[in-house]
Amino acid sequence: MKTEEGFDWKAPSPTTAETSGNSLTDEGIEKFTRRLRESEEIRAAKKQKEREKKDLEVRQLVAELEELRKLIPREEIDIEEIKREAEAEYKSIPMYDWGARKESNEHDMVMKYGLKIVDELRRCKWDAEHIPKSLIADMHRIHEGKLPLRWKKNKPATRPVGKLEKAIDSQVKWNEIREKPGRKPKHFKNDQFSSVKAGFFNVARVNKHLQNPTTLLLYLLQHRAWEGKRDKHNTYDTWYRKRRLIVASVGVEKICADLGVHEKTVRNWVNALHKSGVIRKLKDGKENVYVLGEVINNEDLFYYSGEIRGKVKPGSLH
């Protein structure tokens, strides 16, 4: 039952088993399948080895070709020679010069009349159309050293300067003109809002047109107290939750650095907003706290939007 390498072992046929008087057992079937699997593995290994050998030969041939390619001398491209060949080729294409009324070539026509006119002549030839008279007229003018008619700009008509006449009186009846009633401004409600991105202050720092009290107001709104904010004035727990005031606490030096203005300018802006009732400036110790609005019935109301107006002059809160 043993097989040598290079020969396939075949299972005995049923007739052979019957004649020999022996029947296939489980052990025989298992031995048969094992040998069959081993023969398949040997065959696959041989194929893989042959494939690797062929791949190695291909890589060696490619490397040899690359070395030979490097040894081939490169031909230098002469641009001037190419230009001369192209010029000679274009000069070999005949074309009639309608301006000089003689035979010419495409190269000389392009140099003399331009590519636009030559393209139009070529198109008329290909489409079997008559050349427009205006095009021939332009070619005649160029041949004579003049500009084509289509390139000439229309000069504005000039009138001769006349003598100054005596001014006449105005015919408008100014006393009868009535001013038109102005349009009434829209009454804006506080049910809409517009978001202002923080990058606005980067632009305002270098743009003088945005350096004004309104920019300071937007800056203070960006720094108002929020839940969880921690600062030395305790603006959220003490001012917002207990005193029911919407405040912002920012040092003057920080405002100057962020907005790019002088300290005196910031103080003038703060005083202007305070006097106009847009904010309230309060003293908390030696520093200022800016009140922007109040919390009434669990709703934030701001002075700048006209939702609430202060009735008393603000003093120091402690």
C-alpha atoms as a PDB file:
ATOM      1  CA  MET A   1       0.000   0.000   0.000  1.00  0.00           C
ATOM      2  CA  LYS A   2       3.029   2.316   0.278  1.00  0.00           C
ATOM      3  CA  THR A   3       3.567   4.854  -2.535  1.00  0.00           C
ATOM      4  CA  GLU A   4       6.782   6.429  -3.719  1.00  0.00           C
ATOM      5  CA  GLU A   5       7.208  10.192  -4.275  1.00  0.00           C
ATOM      6  CA  GLY A   6       5.878  11.232  -7.679  1.00  0.00           C
ATOM      7  CA  PHE A   7       3.146   8.571  -7.843  1.00  0.00           C
ATOM      8  CA  ASP A   8      -0.444   9.021  -6.692  1.00  0.00           C
ATOM      9  CA  TRP A   9      -1.921   6.386  -4.507  1.00  0.00           C
ATOM     10  CA  LYS A  10      -5.332   5.175  -5.675  1.00  0.00           C
ATOM     11  CA  ALA A  11      -8.032   3.691  -3.537  1.00  0.00           C
ATOM     12  CA  PRO A  12      -8.810   0.081  -4.310  1.00  0.00           C
ATOM     13  CA  SER A  13     -11.956  -0.467  -6.317  1.00  0.00           C
ATOM     14  CA  PRO A  14     -14.940  -2.282  -4.831  1.00  0.00           C
ATOM     15  CA  THR A  15     -14.380  -5.245  -7.132  1.00  0.00           C
ATOM     16  CA  THR A  16     -10.797  -5.587  -5.909  1.00  0.00           C
ATOM     17  CA  ALA A  17     -11.958  -5.472  -2.309  1.00  0.00           C
ATOM     18  CA  GLU A  18     -14.547  -8.145  -2.993  1.00  0.00           C
ATOM     19  CA  THR A  19     -12.075 -10.432  -4.774  1.00  0.00           C
ATOM     20  CA  SER A  20      -9.472 -10.041  -2.081  1.00  0.00           C
ATOM     21  CA  GLY A  21     -12.100 -10.720   0.520  1.00  0.00           C
ATOM     22  CA  ASN A  22     -11.196  -7.666   2.563  1.00  0.00           C
ATOM     23  CA  SER A  23     -13.608  -4.737   3.215  1.00  0.00           C
ATOM     24  CA  LEU A  24     -12.630  -1.072   3.807  1.00  0.00           C
ATOM     25  CA  THR A  25     -12.493  -0.119   7.472  1.00  0.00           C
ATOM     26  CA  ASP A  26     -12.625   3.289   9.171  1.00  0.00           C
ATOM     27  CA  GLU A  27      -8.905   3.120   9.766  1.00  0.00           C
ATOM     28  CA  GLY A  28      -8.286   2.498   6.069  1.00  0.00           C
ATOM     29  CA  ILE A  29     -10.524   5.401   5.026  1.00  0.00           C
ATOM     30  CA  GLU A  30      -8.750   7.742   7.450  1.00  0.00           C
ATOM     31  CA  LYS A  31      -5.330   6.618   6.177  1.00  0.00           C
ATOM     32  CA  PHE A  32      -6.498   7.152   2.597  1.00  0.00           C
ATOM     33  CA  THR A  33      -7.732  10.722   3.231  1.00  0.00           C
ATOM     34  CA  ARG A  34      -4.550  11.607   5.109  1.00  0.00           C
ATOM     35  CA  ARG A  35      -2.351  10.454   2.222  1.00  0.00           C
ATOM     36  CA  LEU A  36      -4.561  12.271  -0.242  1.00  0.00           C
ATOM     37  CA  ARG A  37      -4.235  15.514   1.750  1.00  0.00           C
ATOM     38  CA  GLU A  38      -0.464  15.115   1.965  1.00  0.00           C
ATOM     39  CA  SER A  39      -0.205  14.638  -1.791  1.00  0.00           C
ATOM     40  CA  GLU A  40      -2.282  17.809  -2.369  1.00  0.00           C
ATOM     41  CA  GLU A  41      -0.022  19.795  -0.020  1.00  0.00           C
ATOM     42  CA  ILE A  42       3.090  18.538  -1.811  1.00  0.00           C
ATOM     43  CA  ARG A  43       1.612  19.517  -5.181  1.00  0.00           C
ATOM     44  CA  ALA A  44       0.689  23.048  -3.902  1.00  0.00           C
ATOM     45  CA  ALA A  45       4.190  23.529  -2.434  1.00  0.00           C
ATOM     46  CA  LYS A  46       5.754  22.610  -5.789  1.00  0.00           C
ATOM     47  CA  LYS A  47       3.550  25.124  -7.614  1.00  0.00           C
ATOM     48  CA  GLN A  48       4.406  27.870  -5.087  1.00  0.00           C
ATOM     49  CA  LYS A  49       8.124  27.155  -5.469  1.00  0.00           C
ATOM     50  CA  GLU A  50       7.859  27.358  -9.259  1.00  0.00           C
ATOM     51  CA  ARG A  51       5.914  30.627  -9.045  1.00  0.00           C
ATOM     52  CA  GLU A  52       8.525  32.200  -6.747  1.00  0.00           C
ATOM     53  CA  LYS A  53      11.275  31.101  -9.105  1.00  0.00           C
ATOM     54  CA  LYS A  54       9.517  32.733 -12.080  1.00  0.00           C
ATOM     55  CA  ASP A  55       8.918  35.957 -10.098  1.00  0.00           C
ATOM     56  CA  LEU A  56      12.615  36.079  -9.200  1.00  0.00           C
ATOM     57  CA  GLU A  57      13.581  35.692 -12.860  1.00  0.00           C
ATOM     58  CA  VAL A  58      11.184  38.489 -13.858  1.00  0.00           C
ATOM     59  CA  ARG A  59      12.620  40.839 -11.232  1.00  0.00           C
ATOM     60  CA  GLN A  60      16.143  40.084 -12.408  1.00  0.00           C
ATOM     61  CA  LEU A  61      15.190  40.805 -16.018  1.00  0.00           C
ATOM     62  CA  VAL A  62      13.532  44.108 -15.018  1.00  0.00           C
ATOM     63  CA  ALA A  63      16.639  45.133 -13.073  1.00  0.00           C
ATOM     64  CA  GLU A  64      18.837  44.327 -16.074  1.00  0.00           C
ATOM     65  CA  LEU A  65      16.585  46.377 -18.366  1.00  0.00           C
ATOM     66  CA  GLU A  66      16.722  49.318 -15.955  1.00  0.00           C
ATOM     67  CA  GLU A  67      20.527  49.188 -15.939  1.00  0.00           C
ATOM     68  CA  LEU A  68      20.597  49.071 -19.745  1.00  0.00           C
ATOM     69  CA  ARG A  69      18.203  52.014 -19.930  1.00  0.00           C
ATOM     70  CA  LYS A  70      20.546  54.087 -17.770  1.00  0.00           C
ATOM     71  CA  LEU A  71      23.421  53.329 -20.118  1.00  0.00           C
ATOM     72  CA  ILE A  72      21.521  54.656 -23.157  1.00  0.00           C
ATOM     73  CA  PRO A  73      22.703  58.249 -23.872  1.00  0.00           C
ATOM     74  CA  ARG A  74      19.929  60.812 -23.604  1.00  0.00           C
ATOM     75  CA  GLU A  75      19.285  63.025 -26.564  1.00  0.00           C
ATOM     76  CA  GLU A  76      19.355  66.704 -25.658  1.00  0.00           C
ATOM     77  CA  ILE A  77      16.412  68.736 -26.932  1.00  0.00           C
ATOM     78  CA  ASP A  78      17.369  71.820 -28.882  1.00  0.00           C
ATOM     79  CA  ILE A  79      14.550  74.333 -28.473  1.00  0.00           C
ATOM     80  CA  GLU A  80      15.910  76.626 -31.141  1.00  0.00           C
ATOM     81  CA  GLU A  81      16.049  73.774 -33.633  1.00  0.00           C
ATOM     82  CA  ILE A  82      12.437  72.864 -32.838  1.00  0.00           C
ATOM     83  CA  LYS A  83      11.410  76.484 -33.364  1.00  0.00           C
ATOM     84  CA  ARG A  84      13.182  76.581 -36.710  1.00  0.00           C
ATOM     85  CA  GLU A  85      11.496  73.364 -37.811  1.00  0.00           C
ATOM     86  CA  ALA A  86       8.072  74.652 -36.761  1.00  0.00           C
ATOM     87  CA  GLU A  87       8.699  77.948 -38.535  1.00  0.00           C
ATOM     88  CA  ALA A  88       9.745  76.139 -41.701  1.00  0.00           C
ATOM     89  CA  GLU A  89       6.618  73.958 -41.510  1.00  0.00           C
ATOM     90  CA  TYR A  90       4.316  76.975 -41.187  1.00  0.00           C
ATOM     91  CA  LYS A  91       6.122  78.733 -44.014  1.00  0.00           C
ATOM     92  CA  SER A  92       5.404  75.739 -46.225  1.00  0.00           C
ATOM     93  CA  ILE A  93       1.611  76.277 -45.822  1.00  0.00           C
ATOM     94  CA  PRO A  94       0.511  78.673 -48.624  1.00  0.00           C
ATOM     95  CA  MET A  95      -1.965  81.486 -47.950  1.00  0.00           C
ATOM     96  CA  TYR A  96      -3.042  84.463 -50.024  1.00  0.00           C
ATOM     97  CA  ASP A  97      -2.272  87.934 -48.672  1.00  0.00           C
ATOM     98  CA  TRP A  98      -5.355  90.029 -49.471  1.00  0.00           C
ATOM     99  CA  GLY A  99      -3.742  93.182 -48.102  1.00  0.00           C
ATOM    100  CA  ALA A 100      -0.670  93.019 -50.359  1.00  0.00           C
ATOM    101  CA  ARG A 101      -2.543  91.138 -53.146  1.00  0.00           C
ATOM    102  CA  LYS A 102       0.084  88.424 -53.505  1.00  0.00           C
ATOM    103  CA  GLU A 103       0.823  84.869 -52.445  1.00  0.00           C
ATOM    104  CA  SER A 104       2.269  84.378 -48.954  1.00  0.00           C
ATOM    105  CA  ASN A 105       2.436  81.726 -46.240  1.00  0.00           C
ATOM    106  CA  GLU A 106       0.737  81.138 -42.917  1.00  0.00           C
ATOM    107  CA  HIS A 107       3.760  82.092 -40.788  1.00  0.00           C
ATOM    108  CA  ASP A 108       4.233  85.504 -42.427  1.00  0.00           C
ATOM    109  CA  MET A 109       0.484  86.163 -42.315  1.00  0.00           C
ATOM    110  CA  VAL A 110       0.351  85.527 -38.573  1.00  0.00           C
ATOM    111  CA  MET A 111       3.339  87.771 -37.943  1.00  0.00           C
ATOM    112  CA  LYS A 112       1.840  90.531 -40.100  1.00  0.00           C
ATOM    113  CA  TYR A 113      -1.924  90.431 -39.393  1.00  0.00           C
ATOM    114  CA  GLY A 114      -2.199  88.471 -36.165  1.00  0.00           C
ATOM    115  CA  LEU A 115      -3.647  85.104 -35.294  1.00  0.00           C
ATOM    116  CA  LYS A 116      -7.238  86.351 -35.096  1.00  0.00           C
ATOM    117  CA  ILE A 117      -7.394  87.418 -38.740  1.00  0.00           C
ATOM    118  CA  VAL A 118      -5.555  84.296 -39.922  1.00  0.00           C
ATOM    119  CA  ASP A 119      -7.977  82.048 -38.023  1.00  0.00           C
ATOM    120  CA  GLU A 120     -10.903  83.847 -39.653  1.00  0.00           C
ATOM    121  CA  LEU A 121      -9.359  83.351 -43.133  1.00  0.00           C
ATOM    122  CA  ARG A 122      -8.766  79.669 -42.383  1.00  0.00           C
ATOM    123  CA  ARG A 123     -12.342  79.228 -41.168  1.00  0.00           C
ATOM    124  CA  CYS A 124     -13.762  80.819 -44.340  1.00  0.00           C
ATOM    125  CA  LYS A 125     -11.639  78.466 -46.427  1.00  0.00           C
ATOM    126  CA  TRP A 126     -12.713  75.358 -44.515  1.00  0.00           C
ATOM    127  CA  ASP A 127     -16.409  76.346 -44.544  1.00  0.00           C
ATOM    128  CA  ALA A 128     -16.263  77.422 -48.223  1.00  0.00           C
ATOM    129  CA  GLU A 129     -17.531  80.892 -47.370  1.00  0.00           C
ATOM    130  CA  HIS A 130     -16.740  84.260 -48.919  1.00  0.00           C
ATOM    131  CA  ILE A 131     -14.224  86.319 -46.975  1.00  0.00           C
ATOM    132  CA  PRO A 132     -16.036  89.329 -45.410  1.00  0.00           C
ATOM    133  CA  LYS A 133     -15.254  92.645 -47.041  1.00  0.00           C
ATOM    134  CA  SER A 134     -14.681  94.221 -43.633  1.00  0.00           C
ATOM    135  CA  LEU A 135     -11.902  91.682 -42.977  1.00  0.00           C
ATOM    136  CA  ILE A 136     -10.221  92.447 -46.322  1.00  0.00           C
ATOM    137  CA  ALA A 137     -10.520  96.185 -45.594  1.00  0.00           C
ATOM    138  CA  ASP A 138      -8.785  95.663 -42.219  1.00  0.00           C
ATOM    139  CA  MET A 139      -5.997  93.754 -43.939  1.00  0.00           C
ATOM    140  CA  HIS A 140      -5.516  96.618 -46.430  1.00  0.00           C
ATOM    141  CA  ARG A 141      -5.261  99.129 -43.565  1.00  0.00           C
ATOM    142  CA  ILE A 142      -2.730  96.980 -41.686  1.00  0.00           C
ATOM    143  CA  HIS A 143      -0.679  96.581 -44.886  1.00  0.00           C
ATOM    144  CA  GLU A 144      -0.642 100.381 -45.214  1.00  0.00           C
ATOM    145  CA  GLY A 145       0.467 100.776 -41.598  1.00  0.00           C
ATOM    146  CA  LYS A 146      -2.900 101.914 -40.216  1.00  0.00           C
ATOM    147  CA  LEU A 147      -5.115 100.527 -37.485  1.00  0.00           C
ATOM    148  CA  PRO A 148      -8.110  98.390 -38.487  1.00  0.00           C
ATOM    149  CA  LEU A 149     -11.469 100.114 -38.408  1.00  0.00           C
ATOM    150  CA  ARG A 150     -12.767  97.781 -35.713  1.00  0.00           C
ATOM    151  CA  TRP A 151      -9.865  98.759 -33.440  1.00  0.00           C
ATOM    152  CA  LYS A 152     -10.430 102.516 -33.735  1.00  0.00           C
ATOM    153  CA  LYS A 153     -12.175 104.010 -30.738  1.00  0.00           C
ATOM    154  CA  ASN A 154     -15.038 106.367 -31.304  1.00  0.00           C
ATOM    155  CA  LYS A 155     -13.950 109.799 -30.147  1.00  0.00           C
ATOM    156  CA  PRO A 156     -16.533 111.780 -28.223  1.00  0.00           C
ATOM    157  CA  ALA A 157     -18.042 114.600 -30.183  1.00  0.00           C
ATOM    158  CA  THR A 158     -16.532 117.942 -29.191  1.00  0.00           C
ATOM    159  CA  ARG A 159     -18.402 121.199 -29.355  1.00  0.00           C
ATOM    160  CA  PRO A 160     -16.710 124.494 -30.003  1.00  0.00           C
ATOM    161  CA  VAL A 161     -16.427 126.669 -26.957  1.00  0.00           C
ATOM    162  CA  GLY A 162     -19.019 129.396 -27.201  1.00  0.00           C
ATOM    163  CA  LYS A 163     -19.458 132.639 -25.375  1.00  0.00           C
ATOM    164  CA  LEU A 164     -20.834 132.518 -21.864  1.00  0.00           C
ATOM    165  CA  GLU A 165     -24.478 133.499 -21.793  1.00  0.00           C
ATOM    166  CA  LYS A 166     -26.174 135.371 -19.013  1.00  0.00           C
ATOM    167  CA  ALA A 167     -27.472 133.070 -16.306  1.00  0.00           C
ATOM    168  CA  ILE A 168     -31.237 132.843 -16.051  1.00  0.00           C
ATOM    169  CA  ASP A 169     -33.201 132.818 -12.817  1.00  0.00           C
ATOM    170  CA  SER A 170     -34.322 129.565 -11.251  1.00  0.00           C
ATOM    171  CA  GLN A 171     -37.845 128.524 -12.220  1.00  0.00           C
ATOM    172  CA  VAL A 172     -38.424 126.350  -9.150  1.00  0.00           C
ATOM    173  CA  LYS A 173     -41.008 127.619  -6.678  1.00  0.00           C
ATOM    174  CA  TRP A 174     -39.138 126.788  -3.513  1.00  0.00           C
ATOM    175  CA  ASN A 175     -41.824 128.104  -1.186  1.00  0.00           C
ATOM    176  CA  GLU A 176     -44.379 125.660  -2.584  1.00  0.00           C
ATOM    177  CA  ILE A 177     -42.195 122.593  -2.182  1.00  0.00           C
ATOM    178  CA  ARG A 178     -43.286 120.545   0.779  1.00  0.00           C
ATOM    179  CA  GLU A 179     -41.169 117.954   2.462  1.00  0.00           C
ATOM    180  CA  LYS A 180     -42.406 114.431   2.002  1.00  0.00           C
ATOM    181  CA  PRO A 181     -43.472 112.726   5.195  1.00  0.00           C
ATOM    182  CA  GLY A 182     -40.675 110.559   6.498  1.00  0.00           C
ATOM    183  CA  ARG A 183     -41.084 106.814   6.759  1.00  0.00           C
ATOM    184  CA  LYS A 184     -41.917 105.594  10.238  1.00  0.00           C
ATOM    185  CA  PRO A 185     -39.294 103.354  11.801  1.00  0.00           C
ATOM    186  CA  LYS A 186     -40.162  99.742  12.442  1.00  0.00           C
ATOM    187  CA  HIS A 187     -40.877  98.750  16.012  1.00  0.00           C
ATOM    188  CA  PHE A 188     -38.604  95.784  16.703  1.00  0.00           C
ATOM    189  CA  LYS A 189     -39.677  93.129  19.144  1.00  0.00           C
ATOM    190  CA  ASN A 190     -37.331  91.176  21.375  1.00  0.00           C
ATOM    191  CA  ASP A 191     -38.358  87.784  19.997  1.00  0.00           C
ATOM    192  CA  GLN A 192     -35.378  87.554  17.628  1.00  0.00           C
ATOM    193  CA  PHE A 193     -31.641  87.776  18.097  1.00  0.00           C
ATOM    194  CA  SER A 194     -28.496  87.938  15.955  1.00  0.00           C
ATOM    195  CA  SER A 195     -25.388  86.027  16.980  1.00  0.00           C
ATOM    196  CA  VAL A 196     -22.070  87.902  17.108  1.00  0.00           C
ATOM    197  CA  LYS A 197     -19.033  85.643  16.813  1.00  0.00           C
ATOM    198  CA  ALA A 198     -16.072  86.280  19.111  1.00  0.00           C
ATOM    199  CA  GLY A 199     -13.806  86.832  16.088  1.00  0.00           C
ATOM    200  CA  PHE A 200     -15.477  90.256  15.793  1.00  0.00           C
ATOM    201  CA  PHE A 201     -13.146  91.529  18.528  1.00  0.00           C
ATOM    202  CA  ASN A 202     -10.051  90.389  16.611  1.00  0.00           C
ATOM    203  CA  VAL A 203     -11.191  92.577  13.713  1.00  0.00           C
ATOM    204  CA  ALA A 204     -12.160  95.486  15.993  1.00  0.00           C
ATOM    205  CA  ARG A 205      -8.681  95.480  17.510  1.00  0.00           C
ATOM    206  CA  VAL A 206      -7.155  96.605  14.183  1.00  0.00           C
ATOM    207  CA  ASN A 207     -10.134  98.444  12.663  1.00  0.00           C
ATOM    208  CA  LYS A 208     -10.661 101.994  13.924  1.00  0.00           C
ATOM    209  CA  HIS A 209     -14.205 102.117  12.550  1.00  0.00           C
ATOM    210  CA  LEU A 210     -15.231  99.359  14.990  1.00  0.00           C
ATOM    211  CA  GLN A 211     -13.603 100.944  18.038  1.00  0.00           C
ATOM    212  CA  ASN A 212     -16.572 102.594  19.745  1.00  0.00           C
ATOM    213  CA  PRO A 213     -18.838 102.155  22.814  1.00  0.00           C
ATOM    214  CA  THR A 214     -21.028  99.647  20.948  1.00  0.00           C
ATOM    215  CA  THR A 215     -18.049  97.304  20.608  1.00  0.00           C
ATOM    216  CA  LEU A 216     -17.459  97.590  24.362  1.00  0.00           C
ATOM    217  CA  LEU A 217     -21.125  96.720  25.004  1.00  0.00           C
ATOM    218  CA  LEU A 218     -20.828  93.570  22.853  1.00  0.00           C
ATOM    219  CA  TYR A 219     -17.582  92.723  24.658  1.00  0.00           C
ATOM    220  CA  LEU A 220     -19.275  92.974  28.090  1.00  0.00           C
ATOM    221  CA  LEU A 221     -22.164  90.809  26.872  1.00  0.00           C
ATOM    222  CA  GLN A 222     -19.608  88.159  25.886  1.00  0.00           C
ATOM    223  CA  HIS A 223     -18.167  88.233  29.435  1.00  0.00           C
ATOM    224  CA  ARG A 224     -21.408  88.218  31.427  1.00  0.00           C
ATOM    225  CA  ALA A 225     -21.794  85.700  34.231  1.00  0.00           C
ATOM    226  CA  TRP A 226     -22.763  82.123  33.409  1.00  0.00           C
ATOM    227  CA  GLU A 227     -23.496  79.091  35.511  1.00  0.00           C
ATOM    228  CA  GLY A 228     -20.360  77.725  37.086  1.00  0.00           C
ATOM    229  CA  LYS A 229     -18.239  80.829  36.397  1.00  0.00           C
ATOM    230  CA  ARG A 230     -15.660  81.451  39.099  1.00  0.00           C
ATOM    231  CA  ASP A 231     -14.070  84.855  39.652  1.00  0.00           C
ATOM    232  CA  LYS A 232     -13.147  87.010  42.620  1.00  0.00           C
ATOM    233  CA  HIS A 233     -16.421  88.954  42.420  1.00  0.00           C
ATOM    234  CA  ASN A 234     -18.480  85.729  42.399  1.00  0.00           C
ATOM    235  CA  THR A 235     -20.597  87.171  39.595  1.00  0.00           C
ATOM    236  CA  TYR A 236     -22.867  84.155  39.161  1.00  0.00           C
ATOM    237  CA  ASP A 237     -23.740  83.021  42.696  1.00  0.00           C
ATOM    238  CA  THR A 238     -23.731  86.422  44.417  1.00  0.00           C
ATOM    239  CA  TRP A 239     -24.796  88.835  41.690  1.00  0.00           C
ATOM    240  CA  TYR A 240     -26.929  86.682  39.397  1.00  0.00           C
ATOM    241  CA  ARG A 241     -28.591  84.197  41.755  1.00  0.00           C
ATOM    242  CA  LYS A 242     -28.899  86.287  44.956  1.00  0.00           C
ATOM    243  CA  ARG A 243     -29.084  89.890  43.727  1.00  0.00           C
ATOM    244  CA  ARG A 244     -30.810  88.957  40.429  1.00  0.00           C
ATOM    245  CA  LEU A 245     -28.512  91.148  38.317  1.00  0.00           C
ATOM    246  CA  ILE A 246     -26.805  90.299  35.012  1.00  0.00           C
ATOM    247  CA  VAL A 247     -23.257  91.536  35.429  1.00  0.00           C
ATOM    248  CA  ALA A 248     -19.851  91.353  33.750  1.00  0.00           C
ATOM    249  CA  SER A 249     -16.596  91.728  35.649  1.00  0.00           C
ATOM    250  CA  VAL A 250     -13.573  92.499  33.469  1.00  0.00           C
ATOM    251  CA  GLY A 251     -10.518  94.532  34.374  1.00  0.00           C
ATOM    252  CA  VAL A 252      -9.778  97.738  32.471  1.00  0.00           C
ATOM    253  CA  GLU A 253      -6.301  96.499  31.523  1.00  0.00           C
ATOM    254  CA  LYS A 254      -7.745  93.334  29.977  1.00  0.00           C
ATOM    255  CA  ILE A 255     -10.322  95.346  28.025  1.00  0.00           C
ATOM    256  CA  CYS A 256      -7.543  97.603  26.697  1.00  0.00           C
ATOM    257  CA  ALA A 257      -5.504  94.607  25.575  1.00  0.00           C
ATOM    258  CA  ASP A 258      -8.445  92.776  23.952  1.00  0.00           C
ATOM    259  CA  LEU A 259      -9.871  95.809  22.122  1.00  0.00           C
ATOM    260  CA  GLY A 260      -6.532  97.512  21.350  1.00  0.00           C
ATOM    261  CA  VAL A 261      -7.383 100.954  22.798  1.00  0.00           C
ATOM    262  CA  HIS A 262      -6.033 103.209  25.547  1.00  0.00           C
ATOM    263  CA  GLU A 263      -7.211 102.993  29.151  1.00  0.00           C
ATOM    264  CA  LYS A 264      -8.669 106.497  28.999  1.00  0.00           C
ATOM    265  CA  THR A 265     -10.700 105.516  25.912  1.00  0.00           C
ATOM    266  CA  VAL A 266     -12.198 102.540  27.762  1.00  0.00           C
ATOM    267  CA  ARG A 267     -13.185 104.732  30.701  1.00  0.00           C
ATOM    268  CA  ASN A 268     -14.829 107.260  28.356  1.00  0.00           C
ATOM    269  CA  TRP A 269     -16.808 104.459  26.685  1.00  0.00           C
ATOM    270  CA  VAL A 270     -17.917 103.061  30.038  1.00  0.00           C
ATOM    271  CA  ASN A 271     -19.069 106.496  31.230  1.00  0.00           C
ATOM    272  CA  ALA A 272     -20.948 107.094  27.949  1.00  0.00           C
ATOM    273  CA  LEU A 273     -22.794 103.766  28.229  1.00  0.00           C
ATOM    274  CA  HIS A 274     -23.501 104.433  31.899  1.00  0.00           C
ATOM    275  CA  LYS A 275     -24.925 107.913  31.271  1.00  0.00           C
ATOM    276  CA  SER A 276     -27.130 106.674  28.435  1.00  0.00           C
ATOM    277  CA  GLY A 277     -28.585 103.927  30.669  1.00  0.00           C
ATOM    278  CA  VAL A 278     -27.316 101.047  28.544  1.00  0.00           C
ATOM    279  CA  ILE A 279     -25.247  99.654  31.433  1.00  0.00           C
ATOM    280  CA  ARG A 280     -24.862 100.378  35.134  1.00  0.00           C
ATOM    281  CA  LYS A 281     -21.401 100.835  36.583  1.00  0.00           C
ATOM    282  CA  LEU A 282     -21.147  99.720  40.219  1.00  0.00           C
ATOM    283  CA  LYS A 283     -18.254  99.609  42.626  1.00  0.00           C
ATOM    284  CA  ASP A 284     -17.385  96.298  44.256  1.00  0.00           C
ATOM    285  CA  GLY A 285     -14.502  97.164  46.524  1.00  0.00           C
ATOM    286  CA  LYS A 286     -11.935  99.038  44.445  1.00  0.00           C
ATOM    287  CA  GLU A 287     -13.028  97.613  41.077  1.00  0.00           C
ATOM    288  CA  ASN A 288     -16.006  98.103  38.775  1.00  0.00           C
ATOM    289  CA  VAL A 289     -18.787  95.660  38.052  1.00  0.00           C
ATOM    290  CA  TYR A 290     -20.886  96.370  34.962  1.00  0.00           C
ATOM    291  CA  VAL A 291     -24.598  95.601  35.246  1.00  0.00           C
ATOM    292  CA  LEU A 292     -26.175  94.730  31.898  1.00  0.00           C
ATOM    293  CA  GLY A 293     -29.699  93.887  33.026  1.00  0.00           C
ATOM    294  CA  GLU A 294     -31.875  92.281  35.664  1.00  0.00           C
ATOM    295  CA  VAL A 295     -33.563  88.933  36.277  1.00  0.00           C
ATOM    296  CA  ILE A 296     -37.316  89.346  36.721  1.00  0.00           C
ATOM    297  CA  ASN A 297     -39.685  86.375  36.906  1.00  0.00           C
ATOM    298  CA  ASN A 298     -36.787  84.074  35.952  1.00  0.00           C
ATOM    299  CA  GLU A 299     -36.283  85.986  32.683  1.00  0.00           C
ATOM    300  CA  ASP A 300     -33.132  87.881  31.673  1.00  0.00           C
ATOM    301  CA  LEU A 301     -33.984  91.474  30.734  1.00  0.00           C
ATOM    302  CA  PHE A 302     -31.279  93.749  29.317  1.00  0.00           C
ATOM    303  CA  TYR A 303     -31.034  97.551  29.467  1.00  0.00           C
ATOM    304  CA  TYR A 304     -29.680  97.869  25.916  1.00  0.00           C
ATOM    305  CA  SER A 305     -32.780  96.243  24.352  1.00  0.00           C
ATOM    306  CA  GLY A 306     -35.284  98.510  26.112  1.00  0.00           C
ATOM    307  CA  GLU A 307     -36.821  95.623  28.033  1.00  0.00           C
ATOM    308  CA  ILE A 308     -36.175  97.366  31.354  1.00  0.00           C
ATOM    309  CA  ARG A 309     -35.125 100.822  32.474  1.00  0.00           C
ATOM    310  CA  GLY A 310     -33.427 101.722  35.717  1.00  0.00           C
ATOM    311  CA  LYS A 311     -35.535 103.881  38.067  1.00  0.00           C
ATOM    312  CA  VAL A 312     -32.872 104.898  40.578  1.00  0.00           C
ATOM    313  CA  LYS A 313     -29.269 105.909  40.276  1.00  0.00           C
ATOM    314  CA  PRO A 314     -27.025 102.957  40.957  1.00  0.00           C
ATOM    315  CA  GLY A 315     -24.843 103.084  43.995  1.00  0.00           C
ATOM    316  CA  SER A 316     -22.321 100.780  45.558  1.00  0.00           C
ATOM    317  CA  LEU A 317     -23.652  97.366  46.494  1.00  0.00           C
ATOM    318  CA  HIS A 318     -22.008  95.405  49.295  1.00  0.00           C
END
